[in-house]
Amino acid sequence: LIELAGYNHIVPGQACYPRQYDSHLAERIASDLELEEDDKVVLKLCNRSRAAGVIVSPLDELDEVLEELLVLPKMDAWLEDKLKKLKEVHPGDFGLTWGCFEEQKRHWWANESPCFVAERWCISTPLLKAGKFYDGTMRVGFVILHKRDLQGSSENGFRKATDGGLQADAPNVPPPSPEELAVHWLGGYWKLPKQDMASTDLRERVVSAARTSGTALVRSSVLAEVYSALGDSVQQLFGGVDPSSKMLADRYKEAPELAAYLTARLAVSNREQPKIKKMLYDAQVLANKVPSERGKHFIE
């Protein structure tokens, strides 16, 4: 959506792939993201948050990492082995440390999305805290307002909600266009990873963990640059018409498994029964077009 709104220049290079391993997958990712020998890749699941399943891999290890994430073991034997080990130790000891690679593998194995994202690794401006430099992740907060609300009006079926925002009087009221929305920026902060940039543990120095390492202030001049770079991207994301089955099918015609998955997710978030049935039917039609080698079992 950010790319469609014309803001692809402010996001890292990304590409989406079916969750099916083959021996040339790492090569395709390197080519698509225009990676060089010493570059690193961030692998992400499409529907997870709070760093669940996030893997940072050097390019020369990418093929091995992908095979471990995408090729499931024989689960009966795997579970039997794990149960045996549980009987030998404390029943609550699964042999995992928080955030380790084995934990991330379980997120991938249990995930229902048919696709994953490979992203070019980018470094933030090094942040100095307590004598150490960190590769932080910035978060900015905002409030979306209807420009009509700013003008003190309540036209076209909208009324002020008790919390100061806007809500529609009727479920069939179309969402406002991006041009009708305004954004009020609330500020921002840095989320810090567990380790500083000198650490040899790649994931712990890259993936933010605010509960462990805390946060840091962002200078007002830096925030002003961020707000300027974001432009009207927030309005573009939250304004305009809701995506339809056809829009998703056209947008992801090269990845029908993703189109089917997103259409089904959109259907169950709808409140109108006829639309739900129509979109689920459309999702099934798209799913029928997916070859088995592209992860059809994820969406059936």
C-alpha atoms as a PDB file:
ATOM      1  CA  LEU A   1       0.000   0.000   0.000  1.00  0.00           C
ATOM      2  CA  ILE A   2       2.875   2.369   0.777  1.00  0.00           C
ATOM      3  CA  GLU A   3       4.372   1.630  -2.637  1.00  0.00           C
ATOM      4  CA  LEU A   4       1.026   2.170  -4.379  1.00  0.00           C
ATOM      5  CA  ALA A   5       0.793   5.555  -2.659  1.00  0.00           C
ATOM      6  CA  GLY A   6       4.163   6.535  -4.138  1.00  0.00           C
ATOM      7  CA  TYR A   7       6.296   6.145  -1.014  1.00  0.00           C
ATOM      8  CA  ASN A   8       8.392   3.124  -1.941  1.00  0.00           C
ATOM      9  CA  HIS A   9      11.511   5.306  -1.627  1.00  0.00           C
ATOM     10  CA  ILE A  10      11.156   5.479   2.175  1.00  0.00           C
ATOM     11  CA  VAL A  11      10.809   1.734   2.869  1.00  0.00           C
ATOM     12  CA  PRO A  12      13.526  -0.941   2.589  1.00  0.00           C
ATOM     13  CA  GLY A  13      13.525  -3.056  -0.548  1.00  0.00           C
ATOM     14  CA  GLN A  14      11.071  -5.928  -0.083  1.00  0.00           C
ATOM     15  CA  ALA A  15       9.779  -8.928  -1.977  1.00  0.00           C
ATOM     16  CA  CYS A  16       7.125 -11.555  -1.218  1.00  0.00           C
ATOM     17  CA  TYR A  17       7.573 -15.295  -1.790  1.00  0.00           C
ATOM     18  CA  PRO A  18       5.502 -18.476  -1.322  1.00  0.00           C
ATOM     19  CA  ARG A  19       6.469 -20.440   1.769  1.00  0.00           C
ATOM     20  CA  GLN A  20       7.937 -23.259  -0.304  1.00  0.00           C
ATOM     21  CA  TYR A  21      11.638 -24.035  -0.312  1.00  0.00           C
ATOM     22  CA  ASP A  22      13.710 -24.747  -3.393  1.00  0.00           C
ATOM     23  CA  SER A  23      17.457 -24.658  -3.935  1.00  0.00           C
ATOM     24  CA  HIS A  24      17.280 -21.445  -5.998  1.00  0.00           C
ATOM     25  CA  LEU A  25      15.119 -19.422  -3.601  1.00  0.00           C
ATOM     26  CA  ALA A  26      18.064 -17.679  -1.909  1.00  0.00           C
ATOM     27  CA  GLU A  27      19.466 -16.729  -5.307  1.00  0.00           C
ATOM     28  CA  ARG A  28      16.138 -15.205  -6.380  1.00  0.00           C
ATOM     29  CA  ILE A  29      15.909 -13.184  -3.176  1.00  0.00           C
ATOM     30  CA  ALA A  30      19.464 -11.887  -3.637  1.00  0.00           C
ATOM     31  CA  SER A  31      18.681 -10.931  -7.238  1.00  0.00           C
ATOM     32  CA  ASP A  32      15.294  -9.330  -6.490  1.00  0.00           C
ATOM     33  CA  LEU A  33      16.689  -7.238  -3.626  1.00  0.00           C
ATOM     34  CA  GLU A  34      19.931  -6.466  -5.509  1.00  0.00           C
ATOM     35  CA  LEU A  35      22.028  -7.737  -2.621  1.00  0.00           C
ATOM     36  CA  GLU A  36      25.799  -7.838  -2.525  1.00  0.00           C
ATOM     37  CA  GLU A  37      28.089 -10.414  -0.951  1.00  0.00           C
ATOM     38  CA  ASP A  38      28.284  -8.909   2.551  1.00  0.00           C
ATOM     39  CA  ASP A  39      24.617  -7.848   2.758  1.00  0.00           C
ATOM     40  CA  LYS A  40      22.075  -9.262   5.179  1.00  0.00           C
ATOM     41  CA  VAL A  41      18.415 -10.161   4.735  1.00  0.00           C
ATOM     42  CA  VAL A  42      15.509  -9.755   7.150  1.00  0.00           C
ATOM     43  CA  LEU A  43      12.911 -12.541   6.849  1.00  0.00           C
ATOM     44  CA  LYS A  44       9.423 -11.785   8.171  1.00  0.00           C
ATOM     45  CA  LEU A  45       6.046 -13.461   8.393  1.00  0.00           C
ATOM     46  CA  CYS A  46       3.186 -11.479   6.867  1.00  0.00           C
ATOM     47  CA  ASN A  47       0.814 -11.660   9.827  1.00  0.00           C
ATOM     48  CA  ARG A  48       2.967 -11.587  12.945  1.00  0.00           C
ATOM     49  CA  SER A  49       4.018  -8.676  15.146  1.00  0.00           C
ATOM     50  CA  ARG A  50       6.331  -7.869  18.039  1.00  0.00           C
ATOM     51  CA  ALA A  51       9.308  -9.492  16.278  1.00  0.00           C
ATOM     52  CA  ALA A  52       7.708 -12.960  16.234  1.00  0.00           C
ATOM     53  CA  GLY A  53       9.391 -14.943  13.482  1.00  0.00           C
ATOM     54  CA  VAL A  54      11.803 -12.163  12.483  1.00  0.00           C
ATOM     55  CA  ILE A  55      15.099 -13.646  11.278  1.00  0.00           C
ATOM     56  CA  VAL A  56      18.171 -11.666  10.235  1.00  0.00           C
ATOM     57  CA  SER A  57      20.480 -13.720   8.023  1.00  0.00           C
ATOM     58  CA  PRO A  58      23.806 -13.015   6.302  1.00  0.00           C
ATOM     59  CA  LEU A  59      23.467 -13.599   2.585  1.00  0.00           C
ATOM     60  CA  ASP A  60      25.954 -16.474   2.589  1.00  0.00           C
ATOM     61  CA  GLU A  61      23.810 -18.343   5.147  1.00  0.00           C
ATOM     62  CA  LEU A  62      20.428 -17.541   3.590  1.00  0.00           C
ATOM     63  CA  ASP A  63      19.903 -20.836   1.758  1.00  0.00           C
ATOM     64  CA  GLU A  64      20.519 -22.867   4.914  1.00  0.00           C
ATOM     65  CA  VAL A  65      18.227 -20.637   6.978  1.00  0.00           C
ATOM     66  CA  LEU A  66      15.411 -20.834   4.418  1.00  0.00           C
ATOM     67  CA  GLU A  67      15.612 -24.611   4.316  1.00  0.00           C
ATOM     68  CA  GLU A  68      15.308 -24.826   8.099  1.00  0.00           C
ATOM     69  CA  LEU A  69      12.335 -22.450   8.163  1.00  0.00           C
ATOM     70  CA  LEU A  70      10.419 -23.813   5.186  1.00  0.00           C
ATOM     71  CA  VAL A  71      11.042 -27.567   5.278  1.00  0.00           C
ATOM     72  CA  LEU A  72       9.156 -29.154   8.143  1.00  0.00           C
ATOM     73  CA  PRO A  73      10.593 -32.200   9.877  1.00  0.00           C
ATOM     74  CA  LYS A  74       8.633 -35.427  10.155  1.00  0.00           C
ATOM     75  CA  MET A  75       6.391 -34.095  12.878  1.00  0.00           C
ATOM     76  CA  ASP A  76       5.518 -37.379  14.593  1.00  0.00           C
ATOM     77  CA  ALA A  77       9.190 -38.192  15.129  1.00  0.00           C
ATOM     78  CA  TRP A  78       9.977 -34.598  16.069  1.00  0.00           C
ATOM     79  CA  LEU A  79       7.208 -34.472  18.694  1.00  0.00           C
ATOM     80  CA  GLU A  80       8.206 -37.853  20.084  1.00  0.00           C
ATOM     81  CA  ASP A  81      11.781 -36.656  20.528  1.00  0.00           C
ATOM     82  CA  LYS A  82      10.648 -33.446  22.258  1.00  0.00           C
ATOM     83  CA  LEU A  83       8.291 -35.343  24.591  1.00  0.00           C
ATOM     84  CA  LYS A  84      11.108 -37.694  25.510  1.00  0.00           C
ATOM     85  CA  LYS A  85      13.321 -34.761  26.443  1.00  0.00           C
ATOM     86  CA  LEU A  86      10.518 -33.180  28.502  1.00  0.00           C
ATOM     87  CA  LYS A  87      10.257 -36.360  30.556  1.00  0.00           C
ATOM     88  CA  GLU A  88      13.982 -36.243  31.261  1.00  0.00           C
ATOM     89  CA  VAL A  89      13.951 -32.647  32.515  1.00  0.00           C
ATOM     90  CA  HIS A  90      11.440 -30.287  34.133  1.00  0.00           C
ATOM     91  CA  PRO A  91       8.033 -30.485  32.361  1.00  0.00           C
ATOM     92  CA  GLY A  92       8.103 -26.739  31.731  1.00  0.00           C
ATOM     93  CA  ASP A  93      11.616 -26.720  30.263  1.00  0.00           C
ATOM     94  CA  PHE A  94      11.301 -26.670  26.486  1.00  0.00           C
ATOM     95  CA  GLY A  95      14.999 -26.030  25.986  1.00  0.00           C
ATOM     96  CA  LEU A  96      14.429 -22.611  24.425  1.00  0.00           C
ATOM     97  CA  THR A  97      15.848 -19.227  25.276  1.00  0.00           C
ATOM     98  CA  TRP A  98      13.764 -16.130  24.596  1.00  0.00           C
ATOM     99  CA  GLY A  99      14.132 -14.993  20.984  1.00  0.00           C
ATOM    100  CA  CYS A 100      16.414 -17.851  19.890  1.00  0.00           C
ATOM    101  CA  PHE A 101      16.372 -19.276  16.371  1.00  0.00           C
ATOM    102  CA  GLU A 102      14.534 -22.426  17.500  1.00  0.00           C
ATOM    103  CA  GLU A 103      11.714 -20.256  18.857  1.00  0.00           C
ATOM    104  CA  GLN A 104      11.485 -18.342  15.574  1.00  0.00           C
ATOM    105  CA  LYS A 105      11.315 -21.614  13.639  1.00  0.00           C
ATOM    106  CA  ARG A 106       8.208 -22.572  15.590  1.00  0.00           C
ATOM    107  CA  HIS A 107       6.547 -19.294  14.600  1.00  0.00           C
ATOM    108  CA  TRP A 108       7.228 -20.164  10.957  1.00  0.00           C
ATOM    109  CA  TRP A 109       6.087 -23.768  11.234  1.00  0.00           C
ATOM    110  CA  ALA A 110       2.820 -22.756  12.922  1.00  0.00           C
ATOM    111  CA  ASN A 111       2.049 -19.795  10.684  1.00  0.00           C
ATOM    112  CA  GLU A 112      -1.001 -19.932   8.403  1.00  0.00           C
ATOM    113  CA  SER A 113       0.054 -17.309   5.830  1.00  0.00           C
ATOM    114  CA  PRO A 114       1.051 -18.783   2.447  1.00  0.00           C
ATOM    115  CA  CYS A 115       3.784 -16.194   1.906  1.00  0.00           C
ATOM    116  CA  PHE A 116       6.702 -14.532   3.653  1.00  0.00           C
ATOM    117  CA  VAL A 117       8.588 -11.285   3.131  1.00  0.00           C
ATOM    118  CA  ALA A 118      12.298 -10.873   2.481  1.00  0.00           C
ATOM    119  CA  GLU A 119      13.545  -7.383   3.234  1.00  0.00           C
ATOM    120  CA  ARG A 120      16.826  -5.637   2.642  1.00  0.00           C
ATOM    121  CA  TRP A 121      18.579  -4.999   5.972  1.00  0.00           C
ATOM    122  CA  CYS A 122      18.994  -1.301   6.717  1.00  0.00           C
ATOM    123  CA  ILE A 123      20.815   0.345   9.623  1.00  0.00           C
ATOM    124  CA  SER A 124      19.379   3.275  11.549  1.00  0.00           C
ATOM    125  CA  THR A 125      21.453   6.275  12.553  1.00  0.00           C
ATOM    126  CA  PRO A 126      23.578   4.917  15.441  1.00  0.00           C
ATOM    127  CA  LEU A 127      22.110   6.007  18.774  1.00  0.00           C
ATOM    128  CA  LEU A 128      24.420   6.663  21.727  1.00  0.00           C
ATOM    129  CA  LYS A 129      23.108   5.604  25.134  1.00  0.00           C
ATOM    130  CA  ALA A 130      25.130   4.900  28.274  1.00  0.00           C
ATOM    131  CA  GLY A 131      28.338   4.984  26.289  1.00  0.00           C
ATOM    132  CA  LYS A 132      27.210   2.410  23.717  1.00  0.00           C
ATOM    133  CA  PHE A 133      25.907   2.731  20.176  1.00  0.00           C
ATOM    134  CA  TYR A 134      22.614   1.029  19.311  1.00  0.00           C
ATOM    135  CA  ASP A 135      20.840   0.300  16.041  1.00  0.00           C
ATOM    136  CA  GLY A 136      17.406   1.449  17.200  1.00  0.00           C
ATOM    137  CA  THR A 137      13.978   1.288  15.629  1.00  0.00           C
ATOM    138  CA  MET A 138      11.934   4.477  15.636  1.00  0.00           C
ATOM    139  CA  ARG A 139       8.218   4.555  16.382  1.00  0.00           C
ATOM    140  CA  VAL A 140       6.036   7.600  15.727  1.00  0.00           C
ATOM    141  CA  GLY A 141       2.493   8.123  16.979  1.00  0.00           C
ATOM    142  CA  PHE A 142      -0.337   9.929  15.246  1.00  0.00           C
ATOM    143  CA  VAL A 143      -4.046  10.656  15.344  1.00  0.00           C
ATOM    144  CA  ILE A 144      -6.142  10.643  12.178  1.00  0.00           C
ATOM    145  CA  LEU A 145      -8.819  13.320  12.019  1.00  0.00           C
ATOM    146  CA  HIS A 146     -11.519  14.109   9.521  1.00  0.00           C
ATOM    147  CA  LYS A 147     -11.005  17.632   8.222  1.00  0.00           C
ATOM    148  CA  ARG A 148     -14.733  18.147   8.718  1.00  0.00           C
ATOM    149  CA  ASP A 149     -14.187  17.525  12.418  1.00  0.00           C
ATOM    150  CA  LEU A 150     -11.488  20.185  12.511  1.00  0.00           C
ATOM    151  CA  GLN A 151     -13.996  22.638  11.071  1.00  0.00           C
ATOM    152  CA  GLY A 152     -16.579  21.799  13.727  1.00  0.00           C
ATOM    153  CA  SER A 153     -19.012  20.312  11.224  1.00  0.00           C
ATOM    154  CA  SER A 154     -21.004  17.070  11.369  1.00  0.00           C
ATOM    155  CA  GLU A 155     -22.201  16.604   7.807  1.00  0.00           C
ATOM    156  CA  ASN A 156     -22.853  13.502   5.703  1.00  0.00           C
ATOM    157  CA  GLY A 157     -23.670  11.049   8.442  1.00  0.00           C
ATOM    158  CA  PHE A 158     -20.661  11.647  10.699  1.00  0.00           C
ATOM    159  CA  ARG A 159     -20.873  12.805  14.260  1.00  0.00           C
ATOM    160  CA  LYS A 160     -18.310  13.420  16.950  1.00  0.00           C
ATOM    161  CA  ALA A 161     -17.684  10.414  19.141  1.00  0.00           C
ATOM    162  CA  THR A 162     -17.337  10.704  22.879  1.00  0.00           C
ATOM    163  CA  ASP A 163     -13.589  10.053  22.645  1.00  0.00           C
ATOM    164  CA  GLY A 164     -13.083  13.020  20.326  1.00  0.00           C
ATOM    165  CA  GLY A 165     -12.781  11.000  17.104  1.00  0.00           C
ATOM    166  CA  LEU A 166     -15.326  10.248  14.415  1.00  0.00           C
ATOM    167  CA  GLN A 167     -17.678   7.391  13.858  1.00  0.00           C
ATOM    168  CA  ALA A 168     -20.254   6.715  11.173  1.00  0.00           C
ATOM    169  CA  ASP A 169     -23.981   6.808  11.959  1.00  0.00           C
ATOM    170  CA  ALA A 170     -24.618   3.981   9.498  1.00  0.00           C
ATOM    171  CA  PRO A 171     -22.501   0.973   8.514  1.00  0.00           C
ATOM    172  CA  ASN A 172     -22.900   1.718   4.795  1.00  0.00           C
ATOM    173  CA  VAL A 173     -21.299   5.151   4.978  1.00  0.00           C
ATOM    174  CA  PRO A 174     -18.200   4.973   2.735  1.00  0.00           C
ATOM    175  CA  PRO A 175     -14.820   5.700   4.299  1.00  0.00           C
ATOM    176  CA  PRO A 176     -13.427   9.191   3.730  1.00  0.00           C
ATOM    177  CA  SER A 177     -10.966   9.803   0.920  1.00  0.00           C
ATOM    178  CA  PRO A 178      -7.316  10.554   1.743  1.00  0.00           C
ATOM    179  CA  GLU A 179      -7.939  14.203   0.859  1.00  0.00           C
ATOM    180  CA  GLU A 180     -10.600  14.406   3.581  1.00  0.00           C
ATOM    181  CA  LEU A 181      -8.221  13.257   6.331  1.00  0.00           C
ATOM    182  CA  ALA A 182      -5.666  15.114   8.409  1.00  0.00           C
ATOM    183  CA  VAL A 183      -2.916  13.737  10.638  1.00  0.00           C
ATOM    184  CA  HIS A 184      -1.826  15.095  13.991  1.00  0.00           C
ATOM    185  CA  TRP A 185       1.627  13.822  14.935  1.00  0.00           C
ATOM    186  CA  LEU A 186       2.016  12.894  18.598  1.00  0.00           C
ATOM    187  CA  GLY A 187       5.769  12.384  18.759  1.00  0.00           C
ATOM    188  CA  GLY A 188       8.167   9.473  18.607  1.00  0.00           C
ATOM    189  CA  TYR A 189      10.737   7.387  20.431  1.00  0.00           C
ATOM    190  CA  TRP A 190      13.543   4.921  19.767  1.00  0.00           C
ATOM    191  CA  LYS A 191      13.077   1.244  20.628  1.00  0.00           C
ATOM    192  CA  LEU A 192      16.409  -0.299  21.500  1.00  0.00           C
ATOM    193  CA  PRO A 193      17.606  -3.843  20.748  1.00  0.00           C
ATOM    194  CA  LYS A 194      18.916  -6.058  23.525  1.00  0.00           C
ATOM    195  CA  GLN A 195      22.574  -5.581  22.560  1.00  0.00           C
ATOM    196  CA  ASP A 196      24.629  -2.694  21.236  1.00  0.00           C
ATOM    197  CA  MET A 197      26.167  -2.597  17.751  1.00  0.00           C
ATOM    198  CA  ALA A 198      29.389  -4.232  18.950  1.00  0.00           C
ATOM    199  CA  SER A 199      27.601  -7.484  19.823  1.00  0.00           C
ATOM    200  CA  THR A 200      28.347 -10.615  17.811  1.00  0.00           C
ATOM    201  CA  ASP A 201      24.716 -11.780  18.154  1.00  0.00           C
ATOM    202  CA  LEU A 202      23.129 -10.454  14.962  1.00  0.00           C
ATOM    203  CA  ARG A 203      19.480 -10.738  16.001  1.00  0.00           C
ATOM    204  CA  GLU A 204      19.998  -9.259  19.461  1.00  0.00           C
ATOM    205  CA  ARG A 205      21.745  -6.175  18.088  1.00  0.00           C
ATOM    206  CA  VAL A 206      19.188  -5.633  15.300  1.00  0.00           C
ATOM    207  CA  VAL A 207      15.678  -6.579  16.502  1.00  0.00           C
ATOM    208  CA  SER A 208      14.273  -4.035  18.948  1.00  0.00           C
ATOM    209  CA  ALA A 209      13.181  -5.184  22.404  1.00  0.00           C
ATOM    210  CA  ALA A 210      11.929  -2.181  24.323  1.00  0.00           C
ATOM    211  CA  ARG A 211      10.787  -4.195  27.347  1.00  0.00           C
ATOM    212  CA  THR A 212      14.340  -5.422  27.852  1.00  0.00           C
ATOM    213  CA  SER A 213      16.505  -2.498  26.775  1.00  0.00           C
ATOM    214  CA  GLY A 214      14.071   0.378  27.065  1.00  0.00           C
ATOM    215  CA  THR A 215      13.634   3.389  24.833  1.00  0.00           C
ATOM    216  CA  ALA A 216      15.362   6.655  24.034  1.00  0.00           C
ATOM    217  CA  LEU A 217      14.273  10.135  23.047  1.00  0.00           C
ATOM    218  CA  VAL A 218      14.195  11.290  19.430  1.00  0.00           C
ATOM    219  CA  ARG A 219      15.473  14.781  18.750  1.00  0.00           C
ATOM    220  CA  SER A 220      12.781  17.169  17.548  1.00  0.00           C
ATOM    221  CA  SER A 221      14.809  17.972  14.406  1.00  0.00           C
ATOM    222  CA  VAL A 222      14.879  14.259  13.503  1.00  0.00           C
ATOM    223  CA  LEU A 223      11.140  13.942  14.104  1.00  0.00           C
ATOM    224  CA  ALA A 224      10.513  16.889  11.799  1.00  0.00           C
ATOM    225  CA  GLU A 225      12.486  15.104   9.056  1.00  0.00           C
ATOM    226  CA  VAL A 226      10.468  11.917   9.591  1.00  0.00           C
ATOM    227  CA  TYR A 227       7.124  13.738   9.450  1.00  0.00           C
ATOM    228  CA  SER A 228       8.210  15.457   6.241  1.00  0.00           C
ATOM    229  CA  ALA A 229       9.321  12.179   4.655  1.00  0.00           C
ATOM    230  CA  LEU A 230       6.028  10.469   5.548  1.00  0.00           C
ATOM    231  CA  GLY A 231       4.049  13.215   3.823  1.00  0.00           C
ATOM    232  CA  ASP A 232       0.446  12.104   3.309  1.00  0.00           C
ATOM    233  CA  SER A 233       1.273   8.380   3.423  1.00  0.00           C
ATOM    234  CA  VAL A 234      -0.874   7.849   6.532  1.00  0.00           C
ATOM    235  CA  GLN A 235      -3.890   9.441   4.859  1.00  0.00           C
ATOM    236  CA  GLN A 236      -3.291   7.251   1.799  1.00  0.00           C
ATOM    237  CA  LEU A 237      -3.177   4.122   3.975  1.00  0.00           C
ATOM    238  CA  PHE A 238      -6.356   4.794   5.953  1.00  0.00           C
ATOM    239  CA  GLY A 239      -8.406   6.729   3.419  1.00  0.00           C
ATOM    240  CA  GLY A 240     -10.156   5.705   0.226  1.00  0.00           C
ATOM    241  CA  VAL A 241     -12.211   2.689  -0.711  1.00  0.00           C
ATOM    242  CA  ASP A 242     -11.753  -0.687   0.942  1.00  0.00           C
ATOM    243  CA  PRO A 243      -9.953  -3.218  -1.231  1.00  0.00           C
ATOM    244  CA  SER A 244     -12.199  -5.597  -3.157  1.00  0.00           C
ATOM    245  CA  SER A 245     -11.669  -9.176  -4.273  1.00  0.00           C
ATOM    246  CA  LYS A 246     -10.945  -7.952  -7.800  1.00  0.00           C
ATOM    247  CA  MET A 247      -8.461  -5.340  -6.603  1.00  0.00           C
ATOM    248  CA  LEU A 248      -6.538  -7.970  -4.649  1.00  0.00           C
ATOM    249  CA  ALA A 249      -6.665 -10.485  -7.506  1.00  0.00           C
ATOM    250  CA  ASP A 250      -5.342  -7.868  -9.952  1.00  0.00           C
ATOM    251  CA  ARG A 251      -2.688  -6.585  -7.569  1.00  0.00           C
ATOM    252  CA  TYR A 252      -1.366 -10.061  -6.767  1.00  0.00           C
ATOM    253  CA  LYS A 253      -2.037 -11.844 -10.049  1.00  0.00           C
ATOM    254  CA  GLU A 254       1.468 -13.342  -9.901  1.00  0.00           C
ATOM    255  CA  ALA A 255       0.784 -14.623  -6.371  1.00  0.00           C
ATOM    256  CA  PRO A 256      -2.781 -16.035  -6.313  1.00  0.00           C
ATOM    257  CA  GLU A 257      -2.091 -17.776  -2.995  1.00  0.00           C
ATOM    258  CA  LEU A 258      -1.543 -14.378  -1.353  1.00  0.00           C
ATOM    259  CA  ALA A 259      -4.588 -12.869  -3.073  1.00  0.00           C
ATOM    260  CA  ALA A 260      -6.751 -15.767  -1.818  1.00  0.00           C
ATOM    261  CA  TYR A 261      -5.413 -15.461   1.729  1.00  0.00           C
ATOM    262  CA  LEU A 262      -5.914 -11.675   1.887  1.00  0.00           C
ATOM    263  CA  THR A 263      -9.394 -11.935   0.370  1.00  0.00           C
ATOM    264  CA  ALA A 264     -10.445 -14.476   3.005  1.00  0.00           C
ATOM    265  CA  ARG A 265      -8.997 -12.332   5.812  1.00  0.00           C
ATOM    266  CA  LEU A 266     -10.809  -9.290   4.463  1.00  0.00           C
ATOM    267  CA  ALA A 267     -14.061 -11.250   4.225  1.00  0.00           C
ATOM    268  CA  VAL A 268     -14.104 -12.289   7.877  1.00  0.00           C
ATOM    269  CA  SER A 269     -13.464  -8.691   8.935  1.00  0.00           C
ATOM    270  CA  ASN A 270     -16.582  -7.529   7.089  1.00  0.00           C
ATOM    271  CA  ARG A 271     -19.884  -6.997   8.905  1.00  0.00           C
ATOM    272  CA  GLU A 272     -22.250  -7.518   5.985  1.00  0.00           C
ATOM    273  CA  GLN A 273     -23.273 -11.155   5.479  1.00  0.00           C
ATOM    274  CA  PRO A 274     -23.743 -10.993   1.670  1.00  0.00           C
ATOM    275  CA  LYS A 275     -20.276  -9.456   1.228  1.00  0.00           C
ATOM    276  CA  ILE A 276     -18.718 -12.048   3.513  1.00  0.00           C
ATOM    277  CA  LYS A 277     -20.169 -14.916   1.460  1.00  0.00           C
ATOM    278  CA  LYS A 278     -19.193 -13.301  -1.857  1.00  0.00           C
ATOM    279  CA  MET A 279     -15.588 -12.638  -0.777  1.00  0.00           C
ATOM    280  CA  LEU A 280     -15.159 -16.133   0.686  1.00  0.00           C
ATOM    281  CA  TYR A 281     -16.403 -17.548  -2.611  1.00  0.00           C
ATOM    282  CA  ASP A 282     -13.914 -15.347  -4.478  1.00  0.00           C
ATOM    283  CA  ALA A 283     -11.154 -16.537  -2.140  1.00  0.00           C
ATOM    284  CA  GLN A 284     -12.011 -20.167  -2.925  1.00  0.00           C
ATOM    285  CA  VAL A 285     -11.916 -19.449  -6.676  1.00  0.00           C
ATOM    286  CA  LEU A 286      -8.462 -17.912  -6.278  1.00  0.00           C
ATOM    287  CA  ALA A 287      -7.307 -20.801  -4.100  1.00  0.00           C
ATOM    288  CA  ASN A 288      -8.333 -23.286  -6.763  1.00  0.00           C
ATOM    289  CA  LYS A 289      -5.846 -21.632  -9.130  1.00  0.00           C
ATOM    290  CA  VAL A 290      -2.910 -22.128  -6.768  1.00  0.00           C
ATOM    291  CA  PRO A 291      -0.553 -25.006  -7.686  1.00  0.00           C
ATOM    292  CA  SER A 292       0.170 -27.375  -4.833  1.00  0.00           C
ATOM    293  CA  GLU A 293       3.878 -26.548  -4.977  1.00  0.00           C
ATOM    294  CA  ARG A 294       3.108 -22.910  -4.097  1.00  0.00           C
ATOM    295  CA  GLY A 295       1.676 -23.737  -0.688  1.00  0.00           C
ATOM    296  CA  LYS A 296      -1.939 -24.411  -1.560  1.00  0.00           C
ATOM    297  CA  HIS A 297      -2.398 -26.285   1.737  1.00  0.00           C
ATOM    298  CA  PHE A 298      -1.880 -23.015   3.648  1.00  0.00           C
ATOM    299  CA  ILE A 299      -5.104 -21.526   2.295  1.00  0.00           C
ATOM    300  CA  GLU A 300      -7.417 -24.534   1.952  1.00  0.00           C
END
